[in-house]
Amino acid sequence: QVQLVESGGGSVQTGGSLTLSCSASTNIQSNNFMGWFRQPQGSQGTQREPVASIRVGSTYYRDSVKGRFTISRDYAQNVVSMQMDNLKSDDTATYYCYAVEDGVDWWGQGTQVTVSS
């Protein structure tokens, strides 16, 4: 079992910044992805959308966050963080940390990010 605990969500105004962090309870192999998905508010019926992911030698960002979000990972501490700058109202969502380990996708409980004008 892998437990993922997120922190850092909150409410900011457009153009503001937030940092999300996620700590895994066990070791996540460095060649396995850790990262973030999000589910926009009012879209419970839709799939979560990938935001950013990282593993050794590879980083992924969805197009809409490139240049604004920066993902990083502490491989020794099994922590993944995401610095979110120049936040927009479209970034409002519940953000979920995820990790792949033992061939299974593990998920955090979600943290709310709300961006208002």
Protein backbone atom coordinates (compact mmCIF):
# COMPACT_ATOMS: atom_id res chain seq x y z
CA GLN A 1 0.00 0.00 0.00
CA VAL A 2 1.19 3.47 -0.90
CA GLN A 3 -0.32 6.46 0.87
CA LEU A 4 0.03 9.88 -0.69
CA VAL A 5 -0.55 12.95 1.45
CA GLU A 6 -1.00 16.29 -0.28
CA SER A 7 -0.64 19.78 1.10
CA GLY A 8 -0.57 23.33 -0.15
CA GLY A 9 -3.92 23.96 -1.77
CA GLY A 10 -5.87 27.13 -1.14
CA SER A 11 -7.43 30.22 -2.63
CA VAL A 12 -5.57 32.90 -4.55
CA GLN A 13 -6.36 35.69 -6.94
CA THR A 14 -5.61 35.55 -10.63
CA GLY A 15 -1.89 35.90 -11.19
CA GLY A 16 -1.03 34.52 -7.77
CA SER A 17 1.08 31.52 -6.84
CA LEU A 18 0.69 28.32 -4.87
CA THR A 19 2.92 25.34 -4.20
CA LEU A 20 1.52 21.84 -3.86
CA SER A 21 3.47 19.06 -2.18
CA CYS A 22 2.86 15.34 -1.92
CA SER A 23 4.64 12.87 0.29
CA ALA A 24 4.59 9.12 -0.31
CA SER A 25 4.56 6.68 2.59
CA THR A 26 6.91 4.27 0.85
CA ASN A 27 9.73 4.44 -1.65
CA ILE A 28 8.67 5.24 -5.19
CA GLN A 29 11.23 4.00 -7.67
CA SER A 30 12.93 6.83 -9.50
CA ASN A 31 11.97 5.47 -12.91
CA ASN A 32 8.28 5.49 -11.93
CA PHE A 33 6.22 8.59 -12.41
CA MET A 34 4.94 10.83 -9.66
CA GLY A 35 2.86 13.85 -10.47
CA TRP A 36 -0.45 15.62 -10.49
CA PHE A 37 -3.85 15.32 -12.09
CA ARG A 38 -6.74 17.69 -11.61
CA GLN A 39 -10.51 17.66 -11.82
CA PRO A 40 -12.12 21.03 -12.51
CA GLN A 41 -15.00 22.06 -10.28
CA GLY A 42 -18.41 20.89 -11.40
CA SER A 43 -16.97 18.19 -13.62
CA GLN A 44 -17.37 15.15 -11.42
CA GLY A 45 -18.58 13.18 -14.40
CA THR A 46 -15.42 13.75 -16.40
CA GLN A 47 -12.03 12.18 -16.14
CA ARG A 48 -9.23 13.76 -14.25
CA GLU A 49 -6.79 15.52 -16.55
CA PRO A 50 -3.02 15.14 -16.28
CA VAL A 51 -1.18 18.28 -15.25
CA ALA A 52 2.48 17.39 -14.73
CA SER A 53 4.56 14.31 -14.08
CA ILE A 54 8.20 13.55 -13.39
CA ARG A 55 10.60 10.65 -13.24
CA VAL A 56 14.32 10.35 -13.84
CA GLY A 57 15.04 11.72 -17.28
CA SER A 58 11.49 12.73 -18.13
CA THR A 59 9.11 15.56 -17.30
CA TYR A 60 5.63 16.13 -18.68
CA TYR A 61 3.42 19.22 -18.61
CA ARG A 62 0.03 19.74 -20.18
CA ASP A 63 0.16 22.55 -22.71
CA SER A 64 -1.98 24.98 -20.73
CA VAL A 65 0.43 25.05 -17.76
CA LYS A 66 3.76 25.11 -19.60
CA GLY A 67 5.82 28.10 -18.52
CA ARG A 68 3.66 28.63 -15.42
CA PHE A 69 3.94 25.38 -13.43
CA THR A 70 7.18 23.71 -12.36
CA ILE A 71 7.27 20.17 -11.02
CA SER A 72 10.12 18.86 -8.90
CA ARG A 73 10.85 15.71 -6.98
CA ASP A 74 12.97 14.73 -4.03
CA TYR A 75 13.78 11.12 -4.87
CA ALA A 76 15.35 10.42 -1.49
CA GLN A 77 12.34 11.69 0.48
CA ASN A 78 9.69 10.49 -2.00
CA VAL A 79 8.18 13.96 -2.25
CA VAL A 80 6.85 15.60 -5.39
CA SER A 81 6.10 19.31 -5.49
CA MET A 82 4.57 21.64 -8.01
CA GLN A 83 5.12 25.38 -8.04
CA MET A 84 2.17 27.09 -9.73
CA ASP A 85 2.70 30.67 -10.86
CA ASN A 86 0.53 33.12 -12.76
CA LEU A 87 -2.55 31.15 -11.81
CA LYS A 88 -5.67 31.55 -13.93
CA SER A 89 -9.33 30.92 -13.19
CA ASP A 90 -9.17 27.86 -15.45
CA ASP A 91 -6.70 26.33 -12.99
CA THR A 92 -9.45 26.09 -10.37
CA ALA A 93 -9.81 22.39 -9.60
CA THR A 94 -9.19 19.62 -7.15
CA TYR A 95 -5.60 18.51 -7.60
CA TYR A 96 -4.67 14.89 -7.03
CA CYS A 97 -1.19 13.56 -6.45
CA TYR A 98 -0.43 10.23 -8.02
CA ALA A 99 2.41 7.74 -8.08
CA VAL A 100 3.08 4.52 -9.91
CA GLU A 101 4.58 1.70 -7.90
CA ASP A 102 4.41 -2.08 -8.24
CA GLY A 103 2.43 -1.62 -11.44
CA VAL A 104 -0.37 0.20 -9.62
CA ASP A 105 -1.53 3.82 -9.81
CA TRP A 106 -1.85 5.28 -6.32
CA TRP A 107 -3.79 8.48 -5.57
CA GLY A 108 -3.91 11.10 -2.88
CA GLN A 109 -7.13 12.41 -1.40
CA GLY A 110 -7.06 15.64 -3.37
CA THR A 111 -6.47 19.26 -2.46
CA GLN A 112 -8.56 22.19 -3.66
CA VAL A 113 -7.09 25.09 -5.61
CA THR A 114 -9.37 28.04 -6.22
CA VAL A 115 -8.35 31.00 -8.39
CA SER A 116 -10.60 34.03 -8.37
CA SER A 117 -10.46 37.33 -10.19
